[in-house]
Amino acid sequence: DALADRASLAGVRHILLVLSGKGGVGKSTISTELALALRSAGKRVGILDVDLCGPSIPRMLRVQDSAVHQCDSGWVPVFVGQDKAIALMSIGFLLERPDDAVVWRGPKKNALIKQFLTDVAWGDLDFLIVDTPPGTSDEHISTVEALRPFQLLGAILVTTPQAVSVGDVRRELTFCRKAGLRILGIVENMSGFVCPHCSECTNIFSKGGGEELAKHAGVPFLGCVPLDPQLSQSLEEGRDFIQEFPKSSAFPALTHIAQQILDTSQRSS
């Protein structure tokens, strides 16, 4: 078992967790755009979608109709785009119908997460991004424990600016510290709406909660990602935002976050 565990992740140089104490803050969006930005920087990237009850990444990358195949070393992930530089594994590929609900107790969820980590033929990757469900539950403990022997770079925490979201993410910080998980930094998502006509920024959800939390917790603040209709459109249509919308207001924020992850990984190598 230990040898099998090592084999599937042996070619992965850095593993990155995307966490939040709250649902609806855009973890899957940040995971997807980070993967696209790292691919654009010439890196080979995998995404493991362990949000078992809400697997949205297959749709965001327009591969929701793909099937997972078996090979000698386990499941073959779904490869995204013509260059096949992003490998994706999600429970979304294993459901008979897209509307099927995953009505499972903890042990069955934990077993699948472990299988995703041990029985997927990830091959050689520079980064494996793990998109997690909201909270600090069974799935998070199982994921962190299963990844502990490997090249775990750390965790990115995602929040929106308002106090209720920041409070939930504060609990996620506590979880990371109890689990001995390195915090790479905090991203404030949905940080103001930039009008596409006049470019004025309106702070719909208040402002600065993520930056304030990072300062208070003594962890890096990775940046603010504004609400951007072009970003939403690219995710709805499964388009590559990083390639197609370089003039968007969210583009510099996302590429800056990716650059900080690249810098951190180089220092860790």
C-alpha atoms as a PDB file:
ATOM      1  CA  ASP A   1       0.000   0.000   0.000  1.00  0.00           C
ATOM      2  CA  ALA A   2       2.753   2.425   0.941  1.00  0.00           C
ATOM      3  CA  LEU A   3       4.475   1.756  -2.393  1.00  0.00           C
ATOM      4  CA  ALA A   4       1.218   2.264  -4.322  1.00  0.00           C
ATOM      5  CA  ASP A   5       0.602   5.498  -2.392  1.00  0.00           C
ATOM      6  CA  ARG A   6       4.014   6.786  -3.309  1.00  0.00           C
ATOM      7  CA  ALA A   7       3.797   5.729  -6.956  1.00  0.00           C
ATOM      8  CA  SER A   8       0.731   7.813  -7.899  1.00  0.00           C
ATOM      9  CA  LEU A   9       2.059  11.081  -6.446  1.00  0.00           C
ATOM     10  CA  ALA A  10       5.754  10.367  -6.966  1.00  0.00           C
ATOM     11  CA  GLY A  11       5.970  12.640 -10.009  1.00  0.00           C
ATOM     12  CA  VAL A  12       4.193  15.602  -8.356  1.00  0.00           C
ATOM     13  CA  ARG A  13       6.626  18.355  -7.305  1.00  0.00           C
ATOM     14  CA  HIS A  14       4.268  20.630  -5.312  1.00  0.00           C
ATOM     15  CA  ILE A  15       0.805  20.087  -3.794  1.00  0.00           C
ATOM     16  CA  LEU A  16      -1.386  23.067  -3.021  1.00  0.00           C
ATOM     17  CA  LEU A  17      -4.656  23.061  -1.042  1.00  0.00           C
ATOM     18  CA  VAL A  18      -7.380  25.673  -1.655  1.00  0.00           C
ATOM     19  CA  LEU A  19      -9.482  26.082   1.496  1.00  0.00           C
ATOM     20  CA  SER A  20     -12.202  28.238   3.002  1.00  0.00           C
ATOM     21  CA  GLY A  21     -14.420  27.998   6.067  1.00  0.00           C
ATOM     22  CA  LYS A  22     -17.377  29.100   3.956  1.00  0.00           C
ATOM     23  CA  GLY A  23     -19.171  27.993   0.789  1.00  0.00           C
ATOM     24  CA  GLY A  24     -19.763  30.301  -2.159  1.00  0.00           C
ATOM     25  CA  VAL A  25     -16.561  32.332  -1.803  1.00  0.00           C
ATOM     26  CA  GLY A  26     -15.055  31.070  -5.077  1.00  0.00           C
ATOM     27  CA  LYS A  27     -12.625  28.295  -4.119  1.00  0.00           C
ATOM     28  CA  SER A  28     -13.303  26.437  -7.372  1.00  0.00           C
ATOM     29  CA  THR A  29     -12.907  29.674  -9.350  1.00  0.00           C
ATOM     30  CA  ILE A  30      -9.541  30.417  -7.698  1.00  0.00           C
ATOM     31  CA  SER A  31      -8.408  26.776  -8.152  1.00  0.00           C
ATOM     32  CA  THR A  32      -9.353  26.818 -11.850  1.00  0.00           C
ATOM     33  CA  GLU A  33      -7.817  30.218 -12.633  1.00  0.00           C
ATOM     34  CA  LEU A  34      -4.658  29.408 -10.670  1.00  0.00           C
ATOM     35  CA  ALA A  35      -4.286  26.213 -12.719  1.00  0.00           C
ATOM     36  CA  LEU A  36      -4.769  28.156 -15.980  1.00  0.00           C
ATOM     37  CA  ALA A  37      -2.275  30.847 -14.897  1.00  0.00           C
ATOM     38  CA  LEU A  38       0.342  28.235 -13.918  1.00  0.00           C
ATOM     39  CA  ARG A  39      -0.209  26.423 -17.220  1.00  0.00           C
ATOM     40  CA  SER A  40       0.258  29.757 -19.023  1.00  0.00           C
ATOM     41  CA  ALA A  41       3.608  30.068 -17.180  1.00  0.00           C
ATOM     42  CA  GLY A  42       4.661  26.768 -18.762  1.00  0.00           C
ATOM     43  CA  LYS A  43       3.903  24.465 -15.812  1.00  0.00           C
ATOM     44  CA  ARG A  44       2.216  21.050 -15.876  1.00  0.00           C
ATOM     45  CA  VAL A  45      -0.746  21.189 -13.538  1.00  0.00           C
ATOM     46  CA  GLY A  46      -3.264  18.784 -12.030  1.00  0.00           C
ATOM     47  CA  ILE A  47      -6.498  19.624 -10.234  1.00  0.00           C
ATOM     48  CA  LEU A  48      -8.027  17.232  -7.721  1.00  0.00           C
ATOM     49  CA  ASP A  49     -11.641  18.228  -7.041  1.00  0.00           C
ATOM     50  CA  VAL A  50     -12.491  16.788  -3.606  1.00  0.00           C
ATOM     51  CA  ASP A  51     -15.668  18.859  -3.262  1.00  0.00           C
ATOM     52  CA  LEU A  52     -17.686  15.650  -3.484  1.00  0.00           C
ATOM     53  CA  CYS A  53     -21.134  17.251  -3.099  1.00  0.00           C
ATOM     54  CA  GLY A  54     -20.518  20.169  -5.475  1.00  0.00           C
ATOM     55  CA  PRO A  55     -18.042  19.170  -8.200  1.00  0.00           C
ATOM     56  CA  SER A  56     -18.082  22.291 -10.404  1.00  0.00           C
ATOM     57  CA  ILE A  57     -14.583  22.298 -11.935  1.00  0.00           C
ATOM     58  CA  PRO A  58     -15.361  19.865 -14.827  1.00  0.00           C
ATOM     59  CA  ARG A  59     -17.940  22.353 -16.087  1.00  0.00           C
ATOM     60  CA  MET A  60     -15.639  25.353 -15.547  1.00  0.00           C
ATOM     61  CA  LEU A  61     -13.075  23.661 -17.813  1.00  0.00           C
ATOM     62  CA  ARG A  62     -15.721  22.385 -20.284  1.00  0.00           C
ATOM     63  CA  VAL A  63     -14.909  18.694 -19.803  1.00  0.00           C
ATOM     64  CA  GLN A  64     -18.087  17.734 -17.899  1.00  0.00           C
ATOM     65  CA  ASP A  65     -19.020  15.081 -20.494  1.00  0.00           C
ATOM     66  CA  SER A  66     -15.670  13.289 -20.269  1.00  0.00           C
ATOM     67  CA  ALA A  67     -15.212   9.826 -18.807  1.00  0.00           C
ATOM     68  CA  VAL A  68     -12.410   8.483 -16.614  1.00  0.00           C
ATOM     69  CA  HIS A  69     -10.583   5.401 -17.902  1.00  0.00           C
ATOM     70  CA  GLN A  70      -8.538   2.740 -16.134  1.00  0.00           C
ATOM     71  CA  CYS A  71      -4.915   1.905 -16.844  1.00  0.00           C
ATOM     72  CA  ASP A  72      -2.436  -0.437 -15.137  1.00  0.00           C
ATOM     73  CA  SER A  73      -1.587   2.176 -12.490  1.00  0.00           C
ATOM     74  CA  GLY A  74      -5.190   3.230 -11.756  1.00  0.00           C
ATOM     75  CA  TRP A  75      -7.565   5.898 -13.032  1.00  0.00           C
ATOM     76  CA  VAL A  76      -6.387   8.143 -15.858  1.00  0.00           C
ATOM     77  CA  PRO A  77      -7.363  11.774 -15.146  1.00  0.00           C
ATOM     78  CA  VAL A  78      -9.186  13.827 -17.769  1.00  0.00           C
ATOM     79  CA  PHE A  79      -6.817  16.083 -19.726  1.00  0.00           C
ATOM     80  CA  VAL A  80      -7.961  19.616 -20.520  1.00  0.00           C
ATOM     81  CA  GLY A  81      -7.312  21.562 -23.724  1.00  0.00           C
ATOM     82  CA  GLN A  82      -5.395  20.682 -26.858  1.00  0.00           C
ATOM     83  CA  ASP A  83      -2.015  20.797 -25.116  1.00  0.00           C
ATOM     84  CA  LYS A  84      -3.343  18.495 -22.332  1.00  0.00           C
ATOM     85  CA  ALA A  85      -1.290  20.475 -19.783  1.00  0.00           C
ATOM     86  CA  ILE A  86      -4.004  20.296 -17.093  1.00  0.00           C
ATOM     87  CA  ALA A  87      -5.020  16.914 -15.648  1.00  0.00           C
ATOM     88  CA  LEU A  88      -8.325  16.853 -13.741  1.00  0.00           C
ATOM     89  CA  MET A  89      -9.909  14.284 -11.439  1.00  0.00           C
ATOM     90  CA  SER A  90     -13.396  14.820  -9.995  1.00  0.00           C
ATOM     91  CA  ILE A  91     -16.307  12.775  -8.716  1.00  0.00           C
ATOM     92  CA  GLY A  92     -18.265  14.604 -11.426  1.00  0.00           C
ATOM     93  CA  PHE A  93     -16.766  12.133 -13.938  1.00  0.00           C
ATOM     94  CA  LEU A  94     -17.977   9.135 -11.927  1.00  0.00           C
ATOM     95  CA  LEU A  95     -21.663  10.055 -11.593  1.00  0.00           C
ATOM     96  CA  GLU A  96     -24.088   8.303 -13.945  1.00  0.00           C
ATOM     97  CA  ARG A  97     -26.137  11.483 -14.414  1.00  0.00           C
ATOM     98  CA  PRO A  98     -25.056  15.111 -13.798  1.00  0.00           C
ATOM     99  CA  ASP A  99     -28.023  15.636 -11.443  1.00  0.00           C
ATOM    100  CA  ASP A 100     -27.082  12.703  -9.178  1.00  0.00           C
ATOM    101  CA  ALA A 101     -26.519  13.710  -5.541  1.00  0.00           C
ATOM    102  CA  VAL A 102     -23.696  12.208  -3.476  1.00  0.00           C
ATOM    103  CA  VAL A 103     -25.567  11.058  -0.360  1.00  0.00           C
ATOM    104  CA  TRP A 104     -22.729   9.421   1.560  1.00  0.00           C
ATOM    105  CA  ARG A 105     -21.596   9.205   5.148  1.00  0.00           C
ATOM    106  CA  GLY A 106     -18.084  10.257   6.173  1.00  0.00           C
ATOM    107  CA  PRO A 107     -16.243   6.901   5.837  1.00  0.00           C
ATOM    108  CA  LYS A 108     -17.308   6.445   2.202  1.00  0.00           C
ATOM    109  CA  LYS A 109     -16.271  10.030   1.323  1.00  0.00           C
ATOM    110  CA  ASN A 110     -12.928   9.546   3.070  1.00  0.00           C
ATOM    111  CA  ALA A 111     -12.300   6.300   1.197  1.00  0.00           C
ATOM    112  CA  LEU A 112     -12.910   8.002  -2.165  1.00  0.00           C
ATOM    113  CA  ILE A 113     -10.592  10.914  -1.309  1.00  0.00           C
ATOM    114  CA  LYS A 114      -7.841   8.452  -0.409  1.00  0.00           C
ATOM    115  CA  GLN A 115      -8.496   6.589  -3.665  1.00  0.00           C
ATOM    116  CA  PHE A 116      -8.242   9.838  -5.635  1.00  0.00           C
ATOM    117  CA  LEU A 117      -4.810  10.393  -4.112  1.00  0.00           C
ATOM    118  CA  THR A 118      -3.496   6.836  -4.392  1.00  0.00           C
ATOM    119  CA  ASP A 119      -5.179   5.342  -7.485  1.00  0.00           C
ATOM    120  CA  VAL A 120      -4.935   8.169 -10.040  1.00  0.00           C
ATOM    121  CA  ALA A 121      -2.085   8.051 -12.575  1.00  0.00           C
ATOM    122  CA  TRP A 122      -1.097  11.733 -12.183  1.00  0.00           C
ATOM    123  CA  GLY A 123       2.238  11.310 -13.966  1.00  0.00           C
ATOM    124  CA  ASP A 124       4.772  14.162 -13.828  1.00  0.00           C
ATOM    125  CA  LEU A 125       3.244  17.438 -12.567  1.00  0.00           C
ATOM    126  CA  ASP A 126       4.777  20.685 -11.349  1.00  0.00           C
ATOM    127  CA  PHE A 127       1.662  21.457  -9.274  1.00  0.00           C
ATOM    128  CA  LEU A 128      -1.341  19.505  -7.998  1.00  0.00           C
ATOM    129  CA  ILE A 129      -4.097  21.891  -6.838  1.00  0.00           C
ATOM    130  CA  VAL A 130      -6.609  20.329  -4.434  1.00  0.00           C
ATOM    131  CA  ASP A 131     -10.009  22.070  -4.419  1.00  0.00           C
ATOM    132  CA  THR A 132     -11.709  21.272  -1.096  1.00  0.00           C
ATOM    133  CA  PRO A 133     -15.318  21.558   0.134  1.00  0.00           C
ATOM    134  CA  PRO A 134     -16.253  24.321   2.628  1.00  0.00           C
ATOM    135  CA  GLY A 135     -15.450  23.901   6.314  1.00  0.00           C
ATOM    136  CA  THR A 136     -13.087  21.866   8.488  1.00  0.00           C
ATOM    137  CA  SER A 137     -14.736  18.455   8.345  1.00  0.00           C
ATOM    138  CA  ASP A 138     -13.867  14.799   7.742  1.00  0.00           C
ATOM    139  CA  GLU A 139     -12.864  15.403   4.133  1.00  0.00           C
ATOM    140  CA  HIS A 140     -10.271  18.014   5.102  1.00  0.00           C
ATOM    141  CA  ILE A 141      -8.716  15.848   7.813  1.00  0.00           C
ATOM    142  CA  SER A 142      -8.585  12.854   5.415  1.00  0.00           C
ATOM    143  CA  THR A 143      -7.004  14.954   2.654  1.00  0.00           C
ATOM    144  CA  VAL A 144      -4.335  16.514   4.881  1.00  0.00           C
ATOM    145  CA  GLU A 145      -3.473  13.168   6.505  1.00  0.00           C
ATOM    146  CA  ALA A 146      -3.230  11.372   3.158  1.00  0.00           C
ATOM    147  CA  LEU A 147      -0.997  14.132   1.719  1.00  0.00           C
ATOM    148  CA  ARG A 148       1.324  14.439   4.695  1.00  0.00           C
ATOM    149  CA  PRO A 149       4.071  12.127   3.290  1.00  0.00           C
ATOM    150  CA  PHE A 150       4.243  14.085   0.014  1.00  0.00           C
ATOM    151  CA  GLN A 151       5.483  17.453  -1.291  1.00  0.00           C
ATOM    152  CA  LEU A 152       2.794  19.576   0.362  1.00  0.00           C
ATOM    153  CA  LEU A 153       3.583  23.200  -0.441  1.00  0.00           C
ATOM    154  CA  GLY A 154       0.770  24.555   1.749  1.00  0.00           C
ATOM    155  CA  ALA A 155      -2.696  26.100   1.691  1.00  0.00           C
ATOM    156  CA  ILE A 156      -4.324  29.149   0.115  1.00  0.00           C
ATOM    157  CA  LEU A 157      -7.342  30.448   2.048  1.00  0.00           C
ATOM    158  CA  VAL A 158     -10.132  32.168   0.108  1.00  0.00           C
ATOM    159  CA  THR A 159     -12.519  34.697   1.624  1.00  0.00           C
ATOM    160  CA  THR A 160     -14.889  37.421   0.476  1.00  0.00           C
ATOM    161  CA  PRO A 161     -14.551  40.871   2.096  1.00  0.00           C
ATOM    162  CA  GLN A 162     -17.533  40.839   4.470  1.00  0.00           C
ATOM    163  CA  ALA A 163     -17.195  40.062   8.183  1.00  0.00           C
ATOM    164  CA  VAL A 164     -19.291  36.862   8.154  1.00  0.00           C
ATOM    165  CA  SER A 165     -16.976  35.252   5.579  1.00  0.00           C
ATOM    166  CA  VAL A 166     -13.809  36.503   7.280  1.00  0.00           C
ATOM    167  CA  GLY A 167     -15.031  34.986  10.579  1.00  0.00           C
ATOM    168  CA  ASP A 168     -15.440  31.567   8.955  1.00  0.00           C
ATOM    169  CA  VAL A 169     -12.003  31.800   7.344  1.00  0.00           C
ATOM    170  CA  ARG A 170     -10.507  32.681  10.729  1.00  0.00           C
ATOM    171  CA  ARG A 171     -11.668  29.228  11.888  1.00  0.00           C
ATOM    172  CA  GLU A 172      -9.987  27.716   8.825  1.00  0.00           C
ATOM    173  CA  LEU A 173      -6.733  29.376   9.916  1.00  0.00           C
ATOM    174  CA  THR A 174      -7.097  27.633  13.270  1.00  0.00           C
ATOM    175  CA  PHE A 175      -7.679  24.312  11.459  1.00  0.00           C
ATOM    176  CA  CYS A 176      -4.495  24.805   9.388  1.00  0.00           C
ATOM    177  CA  ARG A 177      -2.445  25.511  12.494  1.00  0.00           C
ATOM    178  CA  LYS A 178      -3.842  22.504  14.365  1.00  0.00           C
ATOM    179  CA  ALA A 179      -3.191  20.286  11.335  1.00  0.00           C
ATOM    180  CA  GLY A 180       0.362  21.641  10.956  1.00  0.00           C
ATOM    181  CA  LEU A 181      -0.454  22.976   7.495  1.00  0.00           C
ATOM    182  CA  ARG A 182       1.636  25.834   6.117  1.00  0.00           C
ATOM    183  CA  ILE A 183      -0.500  28.852   5.115  1.00  0.00           C
ATOM    184  CA  LEU A 184       0.768  30.358   1.870  1.00  0.00           C
ATOM    185  CA  GLY A 185      -1.613  33.281   2.141  1.00  0.00           C
ATOM    186  CA  ILE A 186      -5.134  34.671   1.899  1.00  0.00           C
ATOM    187  CA  VAL A 187      -7.009  35.692  -1.263  1.00  0.00           C
ATOM    188  CA  GLU A 188      -9.893  38.172  -1.024  1.00  0.00           C
ATOM    189  CA  ASN A 189     -12.293  37.194  -3.822  1.00  0.00           C
ATOM    190  CA  MET A 190     -15.270  39.270  -5.096  1.00  0.00           C
ATOM    191  CA  SER A 191     -13.425  42.346  -3.886  1.00  0.00           C
ATOM    192  CA  GLY A 192     -15.401  45.148  -5.494  1.00  0.00           C
ATOM    193  CA  PHE A 193     -17.169  45.302  -8.864  1.00  0.00           C
ATOM    194  CA  VAL A 194     -15.349  47.057 -11.681  1.00  0.00           C
ATOM    195  CA  CYS A 195     -17.846  48.659 -14.080  1.00  0.00           C
ATOM    196  CA  PRO A 196     -17.052  47.522 -17.656  1.00  0.00           C
ATOM    197  CA  HIS A 197     -18.164  50.934 -19.006  1.00  0.00           C
ATOM    198  CA  CYS A 198     -16.489  53.481 -16.740  1.00  0.00           C
ATOM    199  CA  SER A 199     -13.958  51.246 -14.844  1.00  0.00           C
ATOM    200  CA  GLU A 200     -15.121  52.598 -11.467  1.00  0.00           C
ATOM    201  CA  CYS A 201     -14.848  50.060  -8.622  1.00  0.00           C
ATOM    202  CA  THR A 202     -17.876  49.649  -6.331  1.00  0.00           C
ATOM    203  CA  ASN A 203     -17.334  47.715  -3.076  1.00  0.00           C
ATOM    204  CA  ILE A 204     -20.535  45.665  -3.046  1.00  0.00           C
ATOM    205  CA  PHE A 205     -19.468  43.450  -0.107  1.00  0.00           C
ATOM    206  CA  SER A 206     -17.494  46.031   1.900  1.00  0.00           C
ATOM    207  CA  LYS A 207     -13.710  45.941   1.508  1.00  0.00           C
ATOM    208  CA  GLY A 208     -10.429  44.860   3.004  1.00  0.00           C
ATOM    209  CA  GLY A 209     -11.598  42.004   5.289  1.00  0.00           C
ATOM    210  CA  GLY A 210      -9.136  39.516   3.784  1.00  0.00           C
ATOM    211  CA  GLU A 211      -6.190  41.879   4.005  1.00  0.00           C
ATOM    212  CA  GLU A 212      -7.066  42.782   7.591  1.00  0.00           C
ATOM    213  CA  LEU A 213      -7.323  39.090   8.527  1.00  0.00           C
ATOM    214  CA  ALA A 214      -3.937  38.323   6.924  1.00  0.00           C
ATOM    215  CA  LYS A 215      -2.334  41.171   8.856  1.00  0.00           C
ATOM    216  CA  HIS A 216      -3.968  40.054  12.097  1.00  0.00           C
ATOM    217  CA  ALA A 217      -2.939  36.393  11.573  1.00  0.00           C
ATOM    218  CA  GLY A 218       0.575  37.246  10.419  1.00  0.00           C
ATOM    219  CA  VAL A 219       0.244  35.436   7.072  1.00  0.00           C
ATOM    220  CA  PRO A 220       0.832  36.785   3.539  1.00  0.00           C
ATOM    221  CA  PHE A 221      -1.975  38.589   1.727  1.00  0.00           C
ATOM    222  CA  LEU A 222      -1.904  37.320  -1.861  1.00  0.00           C
ATOM    223  CA  GLY A 223      -4.297  39.864  -3.343  1.00  0.00           C
ATOM    224  CA  CYS A 224      -7.850  40.972  -4.185  1.00  0.00           C
ATOM    225  CA  VAL A 225      -9.772  39.517  -7.137  1.00  0.00           C
ATOM    226  CA  PRO A 226     -12.604  41.831  -8.246  1.00  0.00           C
ATOM    227  CA  LEU A 227     -16.046  40.692  -9.389  1.00  0.00           C
ATOM    228  CA  ASP A 228     -15.690  40.618 -13.135  1.00  0.00           C
ATOM    229  CA  PRO A 229     -18.404  39.734 -15.693  1.00  0.00           C
ATOM    230  CA  GLN A 230     -15.734  38.445 -18.095  1.00  0.00           C
ATOM    231  CA  LEU A 231     -14.423  36.027 -15.458  1.00  0.00           C
ATOM    232  CA  SER A 232     -17.970  34.764 -14.780  1.00  0.00           C
ATOM    233  CA  GLN A 233     -18.598  34.414 -18.517  1.00  0.00           C
ATOM    234  CA  SER A 234     -15.387  32.425 -19.063  1.00  0.00           C
ATOM    235  CA  LEU A 235     -16.309  30.004 -16.246  1.00  0.00           C
ATOM    236  CA  GLU A 236     -19.884  29.578 -17.520  1.00  0.00           C
ATOM    237  CA  GLU A 237     -18.642  28.842 -21.032  1.00  0.00           C
ATOM    238  CA  GLY A 238     -15.565  26.819 -20.045  1.00  0.00           C
ATOM    239  CA  ARG A 239     -13.131  29.243 -21.720  1.00  0.00           C
ATOM    240  CA  ASP A 240      -9.519  29.954 -20.765  1.00  0.00           C
ATOM    241  CA  PHE A 241      -9.794  33.326 -18.994  1.00  0.00           C
ATOM    242  CA  ILE A 242      -6.011  33.781 -18.717  1.00  0.00           C
ATOM    243  CA  GLN A 243      -5.534  33.390 -22.494  1.00  0.00           C
ATOM    244  CA  GLU A 244      -8.675  35.146 -23.722  1.00  0.00           C
ATOM    245  CA  PHE A 245      -9.220  38.107 -21.373  1.00  0.00           C
ATOM    246  CA  PRO A 246      -5.813  39.706 -20.644  1.00  0.00           C
ATOM    247  CA  LYS A 247      -7.390  43.205 -20.506  1.00  0.00           C
ATOM    248  CA  SER A 248      -9.867  42.209 -17.777  1.00  0.00           C
ATOM    249  CA  SER A 249      -9.611  43.842 -14.335  1.00  0.00           C
ATOM    250  CA  ALA A 250      -9.277  40.399 -12.679  1.00  0.00           C
ATOM    251  CA  PHE A 251      -6.379  39.317 -14.913  1.00  0.00           C
ATOM    252  CA  PRO A 252      -3.500  41.138 -13.105  1.00  0.00           C
ATOM    253  CA  ALA A 253      -4.819  39.988  -9.705  1.00  0.00           C
ATOM    254  CA  LEU A 254      -4.925  36.314 -10.718  1.00  0.00           C
ATOM    255  CA  THR A 255      -1.552  36.326 -12.466  1.00  0.00           C
ATOM    256  CA  HIS A 256       0.005  38.108  -9.454  1.00  0.00           C
ATOM    257  CA  ILE A 257      -1.325  35.362  -7.125  1.00  0.00           C
ATOM    258  CA  ALA A 258       0.073  32.673  -9.450  1.00  0.00           C
ATOM    259  CA  GLN A 259       3.460  34.429  -9.551  1.00  0.00           C
ATOM    260  CA  GLN A 260       3.643  34.435  -5.741  1.00  0.00           C
ATOM    261  CA  ILE A 261       2.921  30.688  -5.721  1.00  0.00           C
ATOM    262  CA  LEU A 262       5.678  30.158  -8.304  1.00  0.00           C
ATOM    263  CA  ASP A 263       8.111  32.221  -6.215  1.00  0.00           C
ATOM    264  CA  THR A 264       7.220  30.248  -3.062  1.00  0.00           C
ATOM    265  CA  SER A 265       7.652  26.918  -4.861  1.00  0.00           C
ATOM    266  CA  GLN A 266      11.086  27.940  -6.145  1.00  0.00           C
ATOM    267  CA  ARG A 267      12.197  28.877  -2.647  1.00  0.00           C
ATOM    268  CA  SER A 268      10.918  25.511  -1.362  1.00  0.00           C
ATOM    269  CA  SER A 269      12.644  23.429  -4.031  1.00  0.00           C
END
